[in-house]
Amino acid sequence: MEEIKSINTEELKKKLDNGDKLELIDVREDEEVAYGMIPGAKHMKMSDIPNRLNELDKGKEYIFICRSGGRSFNVCHYLQQQGYKVTNMEGGMLEWGGDVEVNL
């Protein structure tokens, strides 16, 4: 099995603070993201991903986010098998100490 690339919340925050242009995708459920997502992240529920592959570009690298890092890891594994470039945010939103956008 190919290894899944990962990034921790501190590394991700540094990149965002430096103004890096990153493709962030939050795979949590609607009621979870309502309490806050990393600014700039796109919401794509885990269960919707197989039907929304046309929205992803194989030329780009995506960082996947969930609550604790488990679901996003599974999404990364699935997408990597489909030929996408993926990175899992370890620790998920539970460990995220940066800004969040709340959409309640």
N, C-alpha and C. Protein backbone atom coordinates (compact mmCIF):
# COMPACT_ATOMS: atom_id res chain seq x y z
N MET A 1 0.85 -1.20 0.00
CA MET A 1 0.00 0.00 0.00
C MET A 1 0.88 1.25 0.00
N GLU A 2 0.56 2.15 -0.87
CA GLU A 2 1.32 3.40 -0.94
C GLU A 2 1.05 4.24 0.29
N GLU A 3 2.09 4.92 0.73
CA GLU A 3 1.93 5.76 1.92
C GLU A 3 1.15 7.02 1.56
N ILE A 4 0.34 7.48 2.49
CA ILE A 4 -0.42 8.71 2.30
C ILE A 4 0.39 9.85 2.91
N LYS A 5 0.59 10.90 2.12
CA LYS A 5 1.30 12.07 2.65
C LYS A 5 0.45 12.74 3.72
N SER A 6 1.11 13.32 4.72
CA SER A 6 0.34 14.02 5.74
C SER A 6 1.03 15.33 6.10
N ILE A 7 0.24 16.20 6.71
CA ILE A 7 0.74 17.48 7.18
C ILE A 7 0.10 17.69 8.55
N ASN A 8 0.84 18.25 9.51
CA ASN A 8 0.19 18.49 10.79
C ASN A 8 -0.41 19.90 10.80
N THR A 9 -1.20 20.18 11.81
CA THR A 9 -1.93 21.46 11.84
C THR A 9 -0.99 22.65 11.92
N GLU A 10 0.13 22.48 12.63
CA GLU A 10 1.10 23.58 12.76
C GLU A 10 1.73 23.92 11.41
N GLU A 11 2.13 22.87 10.68
CA GLU A 11 2.74 23.07 9.35
C GLU A 11 1.75 23.75 8.41
N LEU A 12 0.50 23.29 8.47
CA LEU A 12 -0.51 23.86 7.59
C LEU A 12 -0.75 25.33 7.93
N LYS A 13 -0.82 25.63 9.21
CA LYS A 13 -1.04 27.01 9.63
C LYS A 13 0.10 27.91 9.14
N LYS A 14 1.34 27.42 9.25
CA LYS A 14 2.50 28.19 8.77
C LYS A 14 2.38 28.48 7.28
N LYS A 15 2.03 27.47 6.51
CA LYS A 15 1.89 27.65 5.06
C LYS A 15 0.82 28.70 4.75
N LEU A 16 -0.31 28.62 5.44
CA LEU A 16 -1.39 29.58 5.19
C LEU A 16 -0.96 30.98 5.62
N ASP A 17 -0.26 31.06 6.76
CA ASP A 17 0.24 32.36 7.23
C ASP A 17 1.23 32.97 6.25
N ASN A 18 1.97 32.10 5.54
CA ASN A 18 2.93 32.58 4.54
C ASN A 18 2.25 32.95 3.22
N GLY A 19 0.94 32.71 3.15
CA GLY A 19 0.21 33.06 1.94
C GLY A 19 0.27 32.00 0.86
N ASP A 20 0.69 30.77 1.21
CA ASP A 20 0.71 29.69 0.22
C ASP A 20 -0.71 29.45 -0.30
N LYS A 21 -0.82 29.21 -1.61
CA LYS A 21 -2.11 28.91 -2.22
C LYS A 21 -2.33 27.41 -2.10
N LEU A 22 -3.22 27.00 -1.22
CA LEU A 22 -3.45 25.58 -0.99
C LEU A 22 -4.88 25.21 -1.34
N GLU A 23 -5.04 23.98 -1.77
CA GLU A 23 -6.38 23.45 -2.06
C GLU A 23 -6.82 22.63 -0.85
N LEU A 24 -7.67 23.23 -0.01
CA LEU A 24 -8.13 22.55 1.20
C LEU A 24 -9.55 22.05 0.98
N ILE A 25 -9.79 20.81 1.36
CA ILE A 25 -11.14 20.25 1.24
C ILE A 25 -11.53 19.63 2.57
N ASP A 26 -12.64 20.11 3.12
CA ASP A 26 -13.16 19.64 4.40
C ASP A 26 -14.22 18.58 4.09
N VAL A 27 -14.03 17.36 4.60
CA VAL A 27 -14.92 16.25 4.26
C VAL A 27 -15.93 15.92 5.36
N ARG A 28 -16.06 16.82 6.34
CA ARG A 28 -17.00 16.57 7.44
C ARG A 28 -18.44 16.77 6.97
N GLU A 29 -19.36 16.38 7.83
CA GLU A 29 -20.78 16.53 7.55
C GLU A 29 -21.21 17.99 7.67
N ASP A 30 -22.35 18.33 7.08
CA ASP A 30 -22.85 19.71 7.08
C ASP A 30 -22.91 20.31 8.48
N GLU A 31 -23.45 19.52 9.44
CA GLU A 31 -23.63 20.08 10.79
C GLU A 31 -22.27 20.30 11.47
N GLU A 32 -21.23 19.58 11.06
CA GLU A 32 -19.91 19.78 11.64
C GLU A 32 -19.25 21.05 11.10
N VAL A 33 -19.32 21.24 9.79
CA VAL A 33 -18.64 22.41 9.20
C VAL A 33 -19.34 23.71 9.57
N ALA A 34 -20.61 23.62 9.98
CA ALA A 34 -21.34 24.83 10.38
C ALA A 34 -20.63 25.55 11.52
N TYR A 35 -19.90 24.81 12.35
CA TYR A 35 -19.23 25.41 13.50
C TYR A 35 -17.86 25.97 13.16
N GLY A 36 -17.48 25.85 11.92
CA GLY A 36 -16.23 26.48 11.51
C GLY A 36 -15.37 25.61 10.62
N MET A 37 -14.88 26.25 9.56
CA MET A 37 -13.95 25.61 8.64
C MET A 37 -12.72 26.49 8.53
N ILE A 38 -11.61 25.92 8.11
CA ILE A 38 -10.41 26.72 7.87
C ILE A 38 -10.74 27.67 6.71
N PRO A 39 -10.46 28.97 6.87
CA PRO A 39 -10.77 29.92 5.80
C PRO A 39 -10.18 29.48 4.46
N GLY A 40 -11.02 29.51 3.42
CA GLY A 40 -10.55 29.12 2.09
C GLY A 40 -10.80 27.66 1.77
N ALA A 41 -11.17 26.86 2.77
CA ALA A 41 -11.43 25.44 2.51
C ALA A 41 -12.75 25.28 1.77
N LYS A 42 -12.81 24.25 0.97
CA LYS A 42 -14.03 23.92 0.23
C LYS A 42 -14.68 22.76 0.97
N HIS A 43 -16.00 22.76 1.04
CA HIS A 43 -16.70 21.68 1.73
C HIS A 43 -17.15 20.63 0.72
N MET A 44 -16.76 19.38 0.96
CA MET A 44 -17.16 18.27 0.11
C MET A 44 -17.31 17.07 1.04
N LYS A 45 -18.54 16.75 1.40
CA LYS A 45 -18.76 15.64 2.33
C LYS A 45 -18.11 14.36 1.82
N MET A 46 -17.57 13.58 2.77
CA MET A 46 -16.91 12.33 2.42
C MET A 46 -17.80 11.47 1.51
N SER A 47 -19.08 11.36 1.85
CA SER A 47 -19.98 10.50 1.08
C SER A 47 -20.25 11.02 -0.33
N ASP A 48 -20.00 12.32 -0.56
CA ASP A 48 -20.25 12.90 -1.89
C ASP A 48 -19.05 12.79 -2.83
N ILE A 49 -17.88 12.50 -2.28
CA ILE A 49 -16.66 12.57 -3.09
C ILE A 49 -16.68 11.70 -4.34
N PRO A 50 -17.11 10.42 -4.25
CA PRO A 50 -17.11 9.61 -5.48
C PRO A 50 -17.93 10.24 -6.61
N ASN A 51 -19.00 10.97 -6.27
CA ASN A 51 -19.84 11.60 -7.29
C ASN A 51 -19.34 12.98 -7.71
N ARG A 52 -18.29 13.48 -7.05
CA ARG A 52 -17.82 14.84 -7.35
C ARG A 52 -16.37 14.86 -7.85
N LEU A 53 -15.90 13.69 -8.32
CA LEU A 53 -14.51 13.61 -8.79
C LEU A 53 -14.24 14.59 -9.92
N ASN A 54 -15.28 14.90 -10.71
CA ASN A 54 -15.11 15.84 -11.82
C ASN A 54 -14.73 17.24 -11.35
N GLU A 55 -14.93 17.54 -10.05
CA GLU A 55 -14.57 18.86 -9.51
C GLU A 55 -13.11 18.92 -9.08
N LEU A 56 -12.45 17.76 -9.09
CA LEU A 56 -11.05 17.71 -8.65
C LEU A 56 -10.14 17.61 -9.87
N ASP A 57 -8.98 18.26 -9.77
CA ASP A 57 -8.03 18.32 -10.87
C ASP A 57 -6.82 17.46 -10.51
N LYS A 58 -6.49 16.48 -11.34
CA LYS A 58 -5.37 15.59 -11.04
C LYS A 58 -4.03 16.32 -11.08
N GLY A 59 -4.01 17.52 -11.61
CA GLY A 59 -2.78 18.31 -11.67
C GLY A 59 -2.52 19.09 -10.38
N LYS A 60 -3.50 19.13 -9.51
CA LYS A 60 -3.36 19.89 -8.26
C LYS A 60 -3.20 18.95 -7.09
N GLU A 61 -2.64 19.49 -6.01
CA GLU A 61 -2.55 18.69 -4.79
C GLU A 61 -3.60 19.20 -3.81
N TYR A 62 -4.30 18.29 -3.17
CA TYR A 62 -5.36 18.65 -2.24
C TYR A 62 -5.01 18.22 -0.83
N ILE A 63 -5.36 19.05 0.12
CA ILE A 63 -5.19 18.71 1.54
C ILE A 63 -6.58 18.45 2.10
N PHE A 64 -6.78 17.26 2.66
CA PHE A 64 -8.09 16.88 3.17
C PHE A 64 -8.15 16.99 4.68
N ILE A 65 -9.30 17.46 5.15
CA ILE A 65 -9.50 17.81 6.55
C ILE A 65 -10.79 17.16 7.05
N CYS A 66 -10.76 16.62 8.28
CA CYS A 66 -12.00 16.18 8.93
C CYS A 66 -11.88 16.53 10.40
N ARG A 67 -12.63 15.85 11.25
CA ARG A 67 -12.63 16.21 12.67
C ARG A 67 -11.34 15.79 13.36
N SER A 68 -10.91 14.54 13.12
CA SER A 68 -9.72 14.05 13.82
C SER A 68 -8.64 13.51 12.90
N GLY A 69 -8.91 13.42 11.61
CA GLY A 69 -7.91 12.93 10.66
C GLY A 69 -8.20 11.54 10.11
N GLY A 70 -9.21 10.87 10.65
CA GLY A 70 -9.53 9.51 10.20
C GLY A 70 -10.27 9.45 8.88
N ARG A 71 -11.37 10.20 8.79
CA ARG A 71 -12.14 10.19 7.54
C ARG A 71 -11.32 10.78 6.40
N SER A 72 -10.59 11.87 6.69
CA SER A 72 -9.79 12.48 5.63
C SER A 72 -8.70 11.51 5.15
N PHE A 73 -8.18 10.69 6.07
CA PHE A 73 -7.19 9.67 5.67
C PHE A 73 -7.83 8.69 4.68
N ASN A 74 -9.05 8.25 5.00
CA ASN A 74 -9.75 7.31 4.11
C ASN A 74 -10.01 7.93 2.75
N VAL A 75 -10.39 9.20 2.73
CA VAL A 75 -10.63 9.91 1.47
C VAL A 75 -9.33 9.98 0.68
N CYS A 76 -8.23 10.30 1.36
CA CYS A 76 -6.92 10.38 0.69
C CYS A 76 -6.56 9.03 0.07
N HIS A 77 -6.78 7.97 0.83
CA HIS A 77 -6.46 6.63 0.33
C HIS A 77 -7.26 6.34 -0.95
N TYR A 78 -8.54 6.62 -0.91
CA TYR A 78 -9.42 6.39 -2.06
C TYR A 78 -8.97 7.22 -3.27
N LEU A 79 -8.73 8.51 -3.05
CA LEU A 79 -8.39 9.39 -4.17
C LEU A 79 -7.01 9.09 -4.73
N GLN A 80 -6.09 8.70 -3.85
CA GLN A 80 -4.75 8.36 -4.33
C GLN A 80 -4.83 7.17 -5.28
N GLN A 81 -5.72 6.22 -4.98
CA GLN A 81 -5.91 5.06 -5.86
C GLN A 81 -6.49 5.48 -7.21
N GLN A 82 -7.21 6.62 -7.22
CA GLN A 82 -7.80 7.12 -8.47
C GLN A 82 -6.81 8.02 -9.23
N GLY A 83 -5.61 8.20 -8.66
CA GLY A 83 -4.59 8.98 -9.36
C GLY A 83 -4.50 10.44 -8.96
N TYR A 84 -5.12 10.82 -7.83
CA TYR A 84 -5.06 12.22 -7.37
C TYR A 84 -3.90 12.42 -6.41
N LYS A 85 -3.42 13.68 -6.35
CA LYS A 85 -2.35 14.04 -5.40
C LYS A 85 -3.02 14.54 -4.13
N VAL A 86 -2.77 13.84 -3.04
CA VAL A 86 -3.49 14.13 -1.81
C VAL A 86 -2.57 14.18 -0.59
N THR A 87 -2.98 14.96 0.39
CA THR A 87 -2.30 15.05 1.68
C THR A 87 -3.37 15.05 2.76
N ASN A 88 -3.14 14.34 3.84
CA ASN A 88 -4.08 14.30 4.95
C ASN A 88 -3.63 15.25 6.06
N MET A 89 -4.56 16.07 6.57
CA MET A 89 -4.23 16.91 7.72
C MET A 89 -4.39 16.08 8.97
N GLU A 90 -3.27 15.71 9.59
CA GLU A 90 -3.28 14.90 10.80
C GLU A 90 -3.87 15.67 11.96
N GLY A 91 -4.65 14.97 12.78
CA GLY A 91 -5.21 15.60 13.97
C GLY A 91 -6.52 16.31 13.71
N GLY A 92 -6.79 16.63 12.45
CA GLY A 92 -8.06 17.25 12.07
C GLY A 92 -8.35 18.55 12.80
N MET A 93 -9.62 18.93 12.75
CA MET A 93 -10.05 20.19 13.34
C MET A 93 -9.92 20.19 14.86
N LEU A 94 -9.85 19.00 15.47
CA LEU A 94 -9.68 18.94 16.92
C LEU A 94 -8.35 19.58 17.32
N GLU A 95 -7.35 19.48 16.45
CA GLU A 95 -6.04 20.03 16.77
C GLU A 95 -5.77 21.37 16.11
N TRP A 96 -6.69 21.84 15.27
CA TRP A 96 -6.49 23.08 14.53
C TRP A 96 -6.55 24.27 15.48
N GLY A 97 -5.48 25.06 15.51
CA GLY A 97 -5.45 26.22 16.41
C GLY A 97 -5.57 27.53 15.67
N GLY A 98 -5.70 27.48 14.36
CA GLY A 98 -5.76 28.71 13.56
C GLY A 98 -7.17 29.25 13.45
N ASP A 99 -7.33 30.20 12.56
CA ASP A 99 -8.64 30.84 12.36
C ASP A 99 -9.64 29.86 11.76
N VAL A 100 -10.90 30.11 12.05
CA VAL A 100 -11.97 29.36 11.39
C VAL A 100 -13.02 30.36 10.92
N GLU A 101 -13.69 29.97 9.84
CA GLU A 101 -14.83 30.73 9.33
C GLU A 101 -16.07 29.98 9.78
N VAL A 102 -16.95 30.67 10.48
CA VAL A 102 -18.17 30.03 10.98
C VAL A 102 -19.32 30.39 10.06
N ASN A 103 -20.06 29.39 9.63
CA ASN A 103 -21.17 29.61 8.70
C ASN A 103 -22.49 29.19 9.30
N LEU A 104 -22.74 29.58 10.53
CA LEU A 104 -23.99 29.15 11.19
C LEU A 104 -25.18 29.91 10.63
